[in-house]
Amino acid sequence: QVQLVESGGGSVQAGGSLRLSCAASGYTYSNTAMAWFRQAPGKEREGVAAINGDGGTHYADSVKGRFTISKDNAKNTLYLQMNSLKPEDTAMYYCAAAYDPHIVVVVADPLGGAEYDYWGQGTQVTVSS
């Protein structure tokens, strides 16, 4: 059974940094396309950053140059390094995975969300001004 567990959220002042982690289990991690999404109260979910099974990365325009997505295959963990945080980054952050044990997964719309099969429970990030 595939499980994703996020951690690393918290409260930080504007300009600060946080690193989110997503520990994955139940599948061969290197095959997987994974992504970070966020949802603020009253707003739609948005894709923040994604990394395909082939290693290609994608970022929302709002976080380019500030956030970095990476994964450690040995630890089965996805990361999101968030620097220069802004109050508008405040949201619940979720990791997601698209997994197929037979192929290296490359999703067509990495920040869209529809192609991801598994989701974590989320970790809250709050940025104060």
C-alpha atoms as a PDB file:
ATOM      1  CA  GLN A   1       0.000   0.000   0.000  1.00  0.00           C
ATOM      2  CA  VAL A   2       1.391   3.361  -1.058  1.00  0.00           C
ATOM      3  CA  GLN A   3       1.670   5.927   1.723  1.00  0.00           C
ATOM      4  CA  LEU A   4       2.924   9.502   1.672  1.00  0.00           C
ATOM      5  CA  VAL A   5       3.639  11.351   4.905  1.00  0.00           C
ATOM      6  CA  GLU A   6       4.570  15.025   4.879  1.00  0.00           C
ATOM      7  CA  SER A   7       6.513  16.865   7.565  1.00  0.00           C
ATOM      8  CA  GLY A   8       8.478  20.046   8.067  1.00  0.00           C
ATOM      9  CA  GLY A   9       5.725  22.613   8.020  1.00  0.00           C
ATOM     10  CA  GLY A  10       5.515  25.358  10.591  1.00  0.00           C
ATOM     11  CA  SER A  11       5.328  29.072  11.185  1.00  0.00           C
ATOM     12  CA  VAL A  12       7.999  31.413   9.886  1.00  0.00           C
ATOM     13  CA  GLN A  13       8.407  35.108   9.257  1.00  0.00           C
ATOM     14  CA  ALA A  14       8.516  36.522   5.758  1.00  0.00           C
ATOM     15  CA  GLY A  15      11.921  36.046   4.215  1.00  0.00           C
ATOM     16  CA  GLY A  16      12.542  32.866   6.143  1.00  0.00           C
ATOM     17  CA  SER A  17      13.006  29.288   4.962  1.00  0.00           C
ATOM     18  CA  LEU A  18      11.467  25.887   5.524  1.00  0.00           C
ATOM     19  CA  ARG A  19      12.169  22.450   4.126  1.00  0.00           C
ATOM     20  CA  LEU A  20       9.255  20.112   3.648  1.00  0.00           C
ATOM     21  CA  SER A  21       9.729  16.361   3.468  1.00  0.00           C
ATOM     22  CA  CYS A  22       7.484  13.650   2.083  1.00  0.00           C
ATOM     23  CA  ALA A  23       8.355  10.122   3.175  1.00  0.00           C
ATOM     24  CA  ALA A  24       7.070   7.541   0.716  1.00  0.00           C
ATOM     25  CA  SER A  25       6.514   3.848   1.233  1.00  0.00           C
ATOM     26  CA  GLY A  26       4.903   0.957  -0.564  1.00  0.00           C
ATOM     27  CA  TYR A  27       6.506   1.368  -3.983  1.00  0.00           C
ATOM     28  CA  THR A  28       9.757   1.691  -5.896  1.00  0.00           C
ATOM     29  CA  TYR A  29      10.443   5.345  -5.516  1.00  0.00           C
ATOM     30  CA  SER A  30      12.683   5.957  -8.512  1.00  0.00           C
ATOM     31  CA  ASN A  31       9.882   5.126 -10.984  1.00  0.00           C
ATOM     32  CA  THR A  32       7.613   7.770  -9.659  1.00  0.00           C
ATOM     33  CA  ALA A  33       6.553  11.235 -10.687  1.00  0.00           C
ATOM     34  CA  MET A  34       6.003  13.346  -7.587  1.00  0.00           C
ATOM     35  CA  ALA A  35       4.871  16.836  -6.831  1.00  0.00           C
ATOM     36  CA  TRP A  36       4.008  19.372  -4.173  1.00  0.00           C
ATOM     37  CA  PHE A  37       0.651  21.106  -4.174  1.00  0.00           C
ATOM     38  CA  ARG A  38      -0.802  23.669  -1.820  1.00  0.00           C
ATOM     39  CA  GLN A  39      -4.203  24.955  -0.894  1.00  0.00           C
ATOM     40  CA  ALA A  40      -4.978  28.091   1.064  1.00  0.00           C
ATOM     41  CA  PRO A  41      -8.360  28.628   2.742  1.00  0.00           C
ATOM     42  CA  GLY A  42     -10.943  29.689   0.199  1.00  0.00           C
ATOM     43  CA  LYS A  43      -8.637  29.061  -2.736  1.00  0.00           C
ATOM     44  CA  GLU A  44      -8.242  26.293  -5.253  1.00  0.00           C
ATOM     45  CA  ARG A  45      -5.439  23.795  -4.988  1.00  0.00           C
ATOM     46  CA  GLU A  46      -2.401  24.774  -7.020  1.00  0.00           C
ATOM     47  CA  GLY A  47       0.650  22.899  -8.168  1.00  0.00           C
ATOM     48  CA  VAL A  48       3.852  24.260  -6.690  1.00  0.00           C
ATOM     49  CA  ALA A  49       6.654  22.027  -7.941  1.00  0.00           C
ATOM     50  CA  ALA A  50       6.983  18.639  -9.584  1.00  0.00           C
ATOM     51  CA  ILE A  51       9.665  16.166 -10.488  1.00  0.00           C
ATOM     52  CA  ASN A  52       9.001  13.511 -13.078  1.00  0.00           C
ATOM     53  CA  GLY A  53      10.354   9.992 -12.998  1.00  0.00           C
ATOM     54  CA  ASP A  54      13.009  11.025 -15.538  1.00  0.00           C
ATOM     55  CA  GLY A  55      14.218  13.782 -13.210  1.00  0.00           C
ATOM     56  CA  GLY A  56      12.679  16.712 -15.048  1.00  0.00           C
ATOM     57  CA  THR A  57      11.471  19.468 -12.725  1.00  0.00           C
ATOM     58  CA  HIS A  58       8.664  21.986 -13.069  1.00  0.00           C
ATOM     59  CA  TYR A  59       7.736  24.999 -10.963  1.00  0.00           C
ATOM     60  CA  ALA A  60       4.848  27.384 -10.661  1.00  0.00           C
ATOM     61  CA  ASP A  61       5.807  30.893 -11.734  1.00  0.00           C
ATOM     62  CA  SER A  62       5.027  32.178  -8.258  1.00  0.00           C
ATOM     63  CA  VAL A  63       7.793  30.066  -6.671  1.00  0.00           C
ATOM     64  CA  LYS A  64      10.482  29.970  -9.365  1.00  0.00           C
ATOM     65  CA  GLY A  65      13.825  30.998  -7.964  1.00  0.00           C
ATOM     66  CA  ARG A  66      12.637  30.538  -4.381  1.00  0.00           C
ATOM     67  CA  PHE A  67      11.592  26.882  -4.098  1.00  0.00           C
ATOM     68  CA  THR A  68      13.567  23.777  -5.044  1.00  0.00           C
ATOM     69  CA  ILE A  69      12.144  20.274  -5.380  1.00  0.00           C
ATOM     70  CA  SER A  70      14.402  17.270  -4.974  1.00  0.00           C
ATOM     71  CA  LYS A  71      14.249  13.635  -4.027  1.00  0.00           C
ATOM     72  CA  ASP A  72      16.532  11.196  -2.287  1.00  0.00           C
ATOM     73  CA  ASN A  73      15.897   7.787  -3.812  1.00  0.00           C
ATOM     74  CA  ALA A  74      17.920   6.025  -1.134  1.00  0.00           C
ATOM     75  CA  LYS A  75      15.686   7.483   1.579  1.00  0.00           C
ATOM     76  CA  ASN A  76      12.473   7.340  -0.445  1.00  0.00           C
ATOM     77  CA  THR A  77      11.893  10.971   0.425  1.00  0.00           C
ATOM     78  CA  LEU A  78      10.769  13.989  -1.560  1.00  0.00           C
ATOM     79  CA  TYR A  79      11.796  17.462  -0.434  1.00  0.00           C
ATOM     80  CA  LEU A  80      10.711  21.019  -1.032  1.00  0.00           C
ATOM     81  CA  GLN A  81      13.225  23.653   0.011  1.00  0.00           C
ATOM     82  CA  MET A  82      11.387  26.940   0.393  1.00  0.00           C
ATOM     83  CA  ASN A  83      13.396  30.146   0.666  1.00  0.00           C
ATOM     84  CA  SER A  84      12.415  33.815   0.747  1.00  0.00           C
ATOM     85  CA  LEU A  85       8.982  32.852   1.975  1.00  0.00           C
ATOM     86  CA  LYS A  86       6.121  35.304   1.561  1.00  0.00           C
ATOM     87  CA  PRO A  87       2.792  35.585   3.385  1.00  0.00           C
ATOM     88  CA  GLU A  88       1.070  34.444   0.190  1.00  0.00           C
ATOM     89  CA  ASP A  89       2.893  31.110   0.505  1.00  0.00           C
ATOM     90  CA  THR A  90       0.723  30.337   3.531  1.00  0.00           C
ATOM     91  CA  ALA A  91      -1.217  27.140   2.805  1.00  0.00           C
ATOM     92  CA  MET A  92      -1.547  23.459   3.509  1.00  0.00           C
ATOM     93  CA  TYR A  93       1.106  21.685   1.461  1.00  0.00           C
ATOM     94  CA  TYR A  94       0.528  18.212   0.058  1.00  0.00           C
ATOM     95  CA  CYS A  95       2.777  15.796  -1.742  1.00  0.00           C
ATOM     96  CA  ALA A  96       1.461  13.559  -4.483  1.00  0.00           C
ATOM     97  CA  ALA A  97       2.758  10.630  -6.478  1.00  0.00           C
ATOM     98  CA  ALA A  98       2.019   8.968  -9.797  1.00  0.00           C
ATOM     99  CA  TYR A  99       3.342   5.443  -9.652  1.00  0.00           C
ATOM    100  CA  ASP A 100       3.560   2.589 -12.115  1.00  0.00           C
ATOM    101  CA  PRO A 101       5.844  -0.323 -11.162  1.00  0.00           C
ATOM    102  CA  HIS A 102       6.579  -1.142 -14.818  1.00  0.00           C
ATOM    103  CA  ILE A 103       7.677   2.196 -16.240  1.00  0.00           C
ATOM    104  CA  VAL A 104       9.407   5.460 -15.419  1.00  0.00           C
ATOM    105  CA  VAL A 105       6.453   7.778 -14.966  1.00  0.00           C
ATOM    106  CA  VAL A 106       6.420  11.085 -16.806  1.00  0.00           C
ATOM    107  CA  VAL A 107       3.176  12.991 -16.346  1.00  0.00           C
ATOM    108  CA  ALA A 108       1.976  15.290 -19.097  1.00  0.00           C
ATOM    109  CA  ASP A 109       0.734  18.045 -16.794  1.00  0.00           C
ATOM    110  CA  PRO A 110       3.054  17.954 -13.772  1.00  0.00           C
ATOM    111  CA  LEU A 111       1.370  20.801 -11.894  1.00  0.00           C
ATOM    112  CA  GLY A 112      -2.185  19.910 -12.825  1.00  0.00           C
ATOM    113  CA  GLY A 113      -2.849  17.234 -10.251  1.00  0.00           C
ATOM    114  CA  ALA A 114      -5.192  14.951 -12.177  1.00  0.00           C
ATOM    115  CA  GLU A 115      -2.545  12.369 -13.001  1.00  0.00           C
ATOM    116  CA  TYR A 116      -1.421  11.718  -9.438  1.00  0.00           C
ATOM    117  CA  ASP A 117      -2.829   8.632  -7.781  1.00  0.00           C
ATOM    118  CA  TYR A 118      -1.604   9.050  -4.229  1.00  0.00           C
ATOM    119  CA  TRP A 119      -1.748  12.000  -1.864  1.00  0.00           C
ATOM    120  CA  GLY A 120      -0.469  12.734   1.601  1.00  0.00           C
ATOM    121  CA  GLN A 121      -2.401  14.319   4.448  1.00  0.00           C
ATOM    122  CA  GLY A 122      -0.625  17.643   4.254  1.00  0.00           C
ATOM    123  CA  THR A 123       1.563  19.875   6.393  1.00  0.00           C
ATOM    124  CA  GLN A 124       0.689  23.467   7.260  1.00  0.00           C
ATOM    125  CA  VAL A 125       2.970  26.352   6.320  1.00  0.00           C
ATOM    126  CA  THR A 126       2.231  29.777   7.792  1.00  0.00           C
ATOM    127  CA  VAL A 127       4.250  32.836   6.831  1.00  0.00           C
ATOM    128  CA  SER A 128       3.744  36.021   8.811  1.00  0.00           C
ATOM    129  CA  SER A 129       4.614  39.500   7.620  1.00  0.00           C
END
